[in-house]
Amino acid sequence: MNPESRLKRVLFAGHFAVTAECGPPKGADPDLVRKKGNLLKGYVDSVNVTDNQTGVVRLCSLAACALLREEGLDPVLQMVTRDRNRIALQSDVLGASALGIRNLLCLSGDHQSFGNQADAKGVFDLDSIQFLRAVRQMRDGRHILGGEELSRGPDLFIGAAENPFADPFFLPRSPAGEKKRPPARSSSRPVHLQPPEVQGMDGPGARAGAGEKKSLF
């Protein structure tokens, strides 16, 4: 049986979704993840699992998501481009889907200088927008970067994070002058928006993908 994203189902039904964050431990103890998950069970629709947040080495987000799913929760897998090249990113996307994880949040990641591995080299083979597009191509077009076909595409509800206070608010244009279409179906902004920022996010760039339903939380 193919599990469905509870977060997607709740949002697309027009309901108010409740999410919480679960930071994986600085160690290999799976029971710490299970304990956090059981504290949240019955109170949230989905659990956002961070990916070595602030550049600190932790249990990987993919493993933590798999553990939370075993506990009956609907995890959101965070994946950052800081630590992986395009081969690893696409491979982990396929692995996540095969494990039944149905939500993916594509991020660039906090700079490694903030964490406990300041001398680590950032990969950034793709930026977060390029990664989003790659995942969408894998899911909807069933092919990886470069065009090679997949035997089966990943089944994922794709999300992005935005900073409404960053300039400019509008999406860049391609050389042909066409607005680039946002590839995400959900967007996470962990801030309280004030009217000027809300208006700015509703500009031409935000309307470029207006033909598709998107959720903001």
Protein backbone atom coordinates (compact mmCIF):
# COMPACT_ATOMS: atom_id res chain seq x y z
CA MET A 1 0.00 0.00 0.00
CA ASN A 2 1.35 3.40 -0.99
CA PRO A 3 1.04 5.84 1.93
CA GLU A 4 -0.24 9.33 1.22
CA SER A 5 1.07 12.58 2.63
CA ARG A 6 -1.25 13.55 5.48
CA LEU A 7 0.05 17.11 5.26
CA LYS A 8 -0.93 17.34 1.60
CA ARG A 9 -4.35 15.84 2.28
CA VAL A 10 -5.11 18.26 5.12
CA LEU A 11 -3.90 21.35 3.26
CA PHE A 12 -5.60 20.51 -0.02
CA ALA A 13 -8.86 19.89 1.82
CA GLY A 14 -8.66 23.50 2.98
CA HIS A 15 -8.12 22.64 6.65
CA PHE A 16 -5.74 24.23 9.15
CA ALA A 17 -2.61 22.08 9.44
CA VAL A 18 -0.54 21.79 12.61
CA THR A 19 3.15 20.94 12.27
CA ALA A 20 6.06 20.67 14.69
CA GLU A 21 9.82 20.34 14.33
CA CYS A 22 11.95 17.41 15.40
CA GLY A 23 15.70 17.94 15.53
CA PRO A 24 17.58 14.62 15.28
CA PRO A 25 19.98 13.85 18.16
CA LYS A 26 23.74 14.33 18.19
CA GLY A 27 24.21 10.59 18.28
CA ALA A 28 22.96 7.27 16.94
CA ASP A 29 20.24 6.50 19.51
CA PRO A 30 16.97 5.84 17.64
CA ASP A 31 14.94 5.87 20.86
CA LEU A 32 15.52 9.61 21.24
CA VAL A 33 13.78 10.17 17.90
CA ARG A 34 10.96 7.79 18.83
CA LYS A 35 10.49 9.57 22.17
CA LYS A 36 10.14 12.95 20.46
CA GLY A 37 7.75 11.46 17.93
CA ASN A 38 5.51 9.90 20.57
CA LEU A 39 5.31 13.24 22.40
CA LEU A 40 3.91 14.77 19.21
CA LYS A 41 1.66 11.91 18.11
CA GLY A 42 -2.00 12.86 18.10
CA TYR A 43 -1.26 16.58 18.25
CA VAL A 44 0.24 17.37 14.84
CA ASP A 45 -0.52 16.59 11.23
CA SER A 46 3.13 16.39 10.25
CA VAL A 47 6.64 16.57 11.76
CA ASN A 48 9.39 18.61 10.13
CA VAL A 49 12.75 16.85 10.48
CA THR A 50 15.82 19.08 10.22
CA ASP A 51 18.94 18.19 8.22
CA ASN A 52 22.08 18.89 10.27
CA GLN A 53 20.64 22.27 11.23
CA THR A 54 23.08 25.13 11.85
CA GLY A 55 25.80 22.97 10.33
CA VAL A 56 25.97 20.65 13.35
CA VAL A 57 26.55 16.91 12.83
CA ARG A 58 23.45 14.94 13.83
CA LEU A 59 21.64 11.73 12.99
CA CYS A 60 20.66 12.09 9.34
CA SER A 61 17.21 13.43 8.56
CA LEU A 62 16.35 10.50 6.29
CA ALA A 63 16.90 7.96 9.08
CA ALA A 64 14.98 10.11 11.57
CA CYS A 65 12.06 10.38 9.13
CA ALA A 66 12.00 6.61 8.67
CA LEU A 67 11.90 6.13 12.46
CA LEU A 68 9.07 8.65 12.85
CA ARG A 69 7.10 6.99 10.08
CA GLU A 70 7.41 3.67 11.93
CA GLU A 71 5.75 5.42 14.88
CA GLY A 72 2.77 6.39 12.72
CA LEU A 73 3.74 10.03 12.06
CA ASP A 74 3.88 11.89 8.75
CA PRO A 75 7.45 13.28 8.52
CA VAL A 76 8.66 16.14 6.36
CA LEU A 77 12.17 15.36 5.18
CA GLN A 78 14.43 18.40 5.07
CA MET A 79 17.25 18.06 2.56
CA VAL A 80 19.96 20.70 2.14
CA THR A 81 22.21 21.23 -0.87
CA ARG A 82 25.12 22.27 1.37
CA ASP A 83 26.24 18.68 1.97
CA ARG A 84 25.35 16.77 -1.22
CA ASN A 85 26.05 16.95 -4.93
CA ARG A 86 23.33 16.27 -7.48
CA ILE A 87 24.04 12.53 -7.51
CA ALA A 88 23.55 12.21 -3.75
CA LEU A 89 20.53 14.53 -3.72
CA GLN A 90 18.68 12.58 -6.41
CA SER A 91 19.65 9.26 -4.85
CA ASP A 92 18.34 10.31 -1.42
CA VAL A 93 15.11 11.57 -2.99
CA LEU A 94 14.52 8.13 -4.50
CA GLY A 95 15.45 6.45 -1.23
CA ALA A 96 13.06 8.62 0.77
CA SER A 97 10.16 7.79 -1.53
CA ALA A 98 10.99 4.08 -1.44
CA LEU A 99 10.85 4.22 2.38
CA GLY A 100 7.36 5.73 2.26
CA ILE A 101 8.33 9.30 3.12
CA ARG A 102 5.93 11.58 1.28
CA ASN A 103 7.01 15.15 2.15
CA LEU A 104 10.22 16.91 1.11
CA LEU A 105 11.44 20.39 2.04
CA CYS A 106 14.25 21.56 -0.26
CA LEU A 107 16.74 23.96 1.32
CA SER A 108 20.19 25.43 0.79
CA GLY A 109 21.15 24.90 4.45
CA ASP A 110 22.82 27.01 7.12
CA HIS A 111 26.43 27.83 6.33
CA GLN A 112 28.83 25.31 7.82
CA SER A 113 30.77 28.06 9.62
CA PHE A 114 27.88 28.28 12.12
CA GLY A 115 28.30 24.69 13.28
CA ASN A 116 30.81 22.27 14.76
CA GLN A 117 32.48 21.52 11.40
CA ALA A 118 33.54 25.00 10.36
CA ASP A 119 36.32 23.66 8.10
CA ALA A 120 33.91 21.54 6.05
CA LYS A 121 33.58 22.40 2.38
CA GLY A 122 30.10 23.40 1.24
CA VAL A 123 29.00 21.46 -1.83
CA PHE A 124 26.20 23.60 -3.31
CA ASP A 125 26.37 21.73 -6.63
CA LEU A 126 22.73 22.82 -6.98
CA ASP A 127 21.01 25.68 -5.22
CA SER A 128 17.64 25.12 -3.56
CA ILE A 129 15.62 26.31 -6.57
CA GLN A 130 17.53 24.05 -8.95
CA PHE A 131 17.02 21.20 -6.51
CA LEU A 132 13.29 21.87 -6.38
CA ARG A 133 13.09 21.74 -10.17
CA ALA A 134 15.10 18.52 -10.26
CA VAL A 135 12.76 16.83 -7.77
CA ARG A 136 9.73 17.96 -9.68
CA GLN A 137 11.18 16.60 -12.92
CA MET A 138 11.85 13.31 -11.18
CA ARG A 139 8.30 13.13 -9.86
CA ASP A 140 6.24 14.51 -12.74
CA GLY A 141 8.49 13.78 -15.71
CA ARG A 142 10.03 10.59 -14.31
CA HIS A 143 13.56 11.54 -15.30
CA ILE A 144 16.72 12.68 -13.55
CA LEU A 145 18.94 15.63 -14.42
CA GLY A 146 20.40 14.99 -17.85
CA GLY A 147 17.20 13.33 -19.07
CA GLU A 148 17.72 9.67 -18.18
CA GLU A 149 14.39 7.99 -17.45
CA LEU A 150 13.48 6.50 -14.08
CA SER A 151 11.72 3.15 -13.76
CA ARG A 152 9.49 4.86 -11.21
CA GLY A 153 9.39 8.47 -10.08
CA PRO A 154 9.31 9.54 -6.43
CA ASP A 155 5.93 10.17 -4.81
CA LEU A 156 6.55 13.39 -2.88
CA PHE A 157 4.75 16.54 -1.73
CA ILE A 158 7.42 19.16 -2.42
CA GLY A 159 7.97 22.27 -0.32
CA ALA A 160 10.29 25.26 -0.10
CA ALA A 161 11.20 27.88 2.49
CA GLU A 162 11.08 31.60 1.73
CA ASN A 163 12.33 34.72 3.46
CA PRO A 164 9.67 37.41 2.90
CA PHE A 165 12.03 40.13 4.12
CA ALA A 166 14.69 39.50 1.47
CA ASP A 167 15.02 41.72 -1.60
CA PRO A 168 13.87 41.37 -4.26
CA PHE A 169 10.45 39.82 -3.65
CA PHE A 170 10.00 38.87 -7.31
CA LEU A 171 11.31 35.82 -9.06
CA PRO A 172 14.04 36.45 -11.64
CA ARG A 173 13.31 36.29 -15.34
CA SER A 174 14.91 33.91 -17.77
CA PRO A 175 16.99 35.24 -20.70
CA ALA A 176 13.88 34.91 -22.87
CA GLY A 177 12.00 37.22 -20.51
CA GLU A 178 9.63 34.56 -19.20
CA LYS A 179 8.98 34.38 -15.47
CA LYS A 180 10.35 31.28 -13.85
CA ARG A 181 7.60 29.08 -12.51
CA PRO A 182 7.87 28.15 -8.83
CA PRO A 183 8.18 24.36 -8.65
CA ALA A 184 7.04 23.95 -5.02
CA ARG A 185 3.53 22.99 -3.93
CA SER A 186 3.94 24.24 -0.37
CA SER A 187 5.95 27.01 1.22
CA SER A 188 7.17 27.37 4.78
CA ARG A 189 7.84 30.83 6.23
CA PRO A 190 8.52 30.65 10.00
CA VAL A 191 7.76 34.32 10.64
CA HIS A 192 4.79 36.58 11.33
CA LEU A 193 4.11 38.56 8.16
CA GLN A 194 3.24 42.22 8.21
CA PRO A 195 1.03 43.74 5.47
CA PRO A 196 3.89 45.20 3.33
CA GLU A 197 5.63 41.82 3.19
CA VAL A 198 2.39 40.00 2.39
CA GLN A 199 1.73 42.39 -0.49
CA GLY A 200 5.28 41.99 -1.75
CA MET A 201 4.98 38.20 -1.84
CA ASP A 202 1.89 38.55 -4.03
CA GLY A 203 3.78 40.21 -6.89
CA PRO A 204 4.27 38.98 -10.45
CA GLY A 205 6.76 36.31 -9.38
CA ALA A 206 4.36 34.83 -6.84
CA ARG A 207 1.64 34.73 -9.49
CA ALA A 208 3.84 33.03 -12.07
CA GLY A 209 2.61 29.61 -10.90
CA ALA A 210 -0.92 30.77 -10.08
CA GLY A 211 -2.43 27.94 -12.12
CA GLU A 212 -1.51 25.43 -9.43
CA LYS A 213 -2.69 25.08 -5.88
CA LYS A 214 -0.06 25.93 -3.30
CA SER A 215 -0.14 26.11 0.47
CA LEU A 216 1.57 28.58 2.77
CA PHE A 217 2.40 27.71 6.37
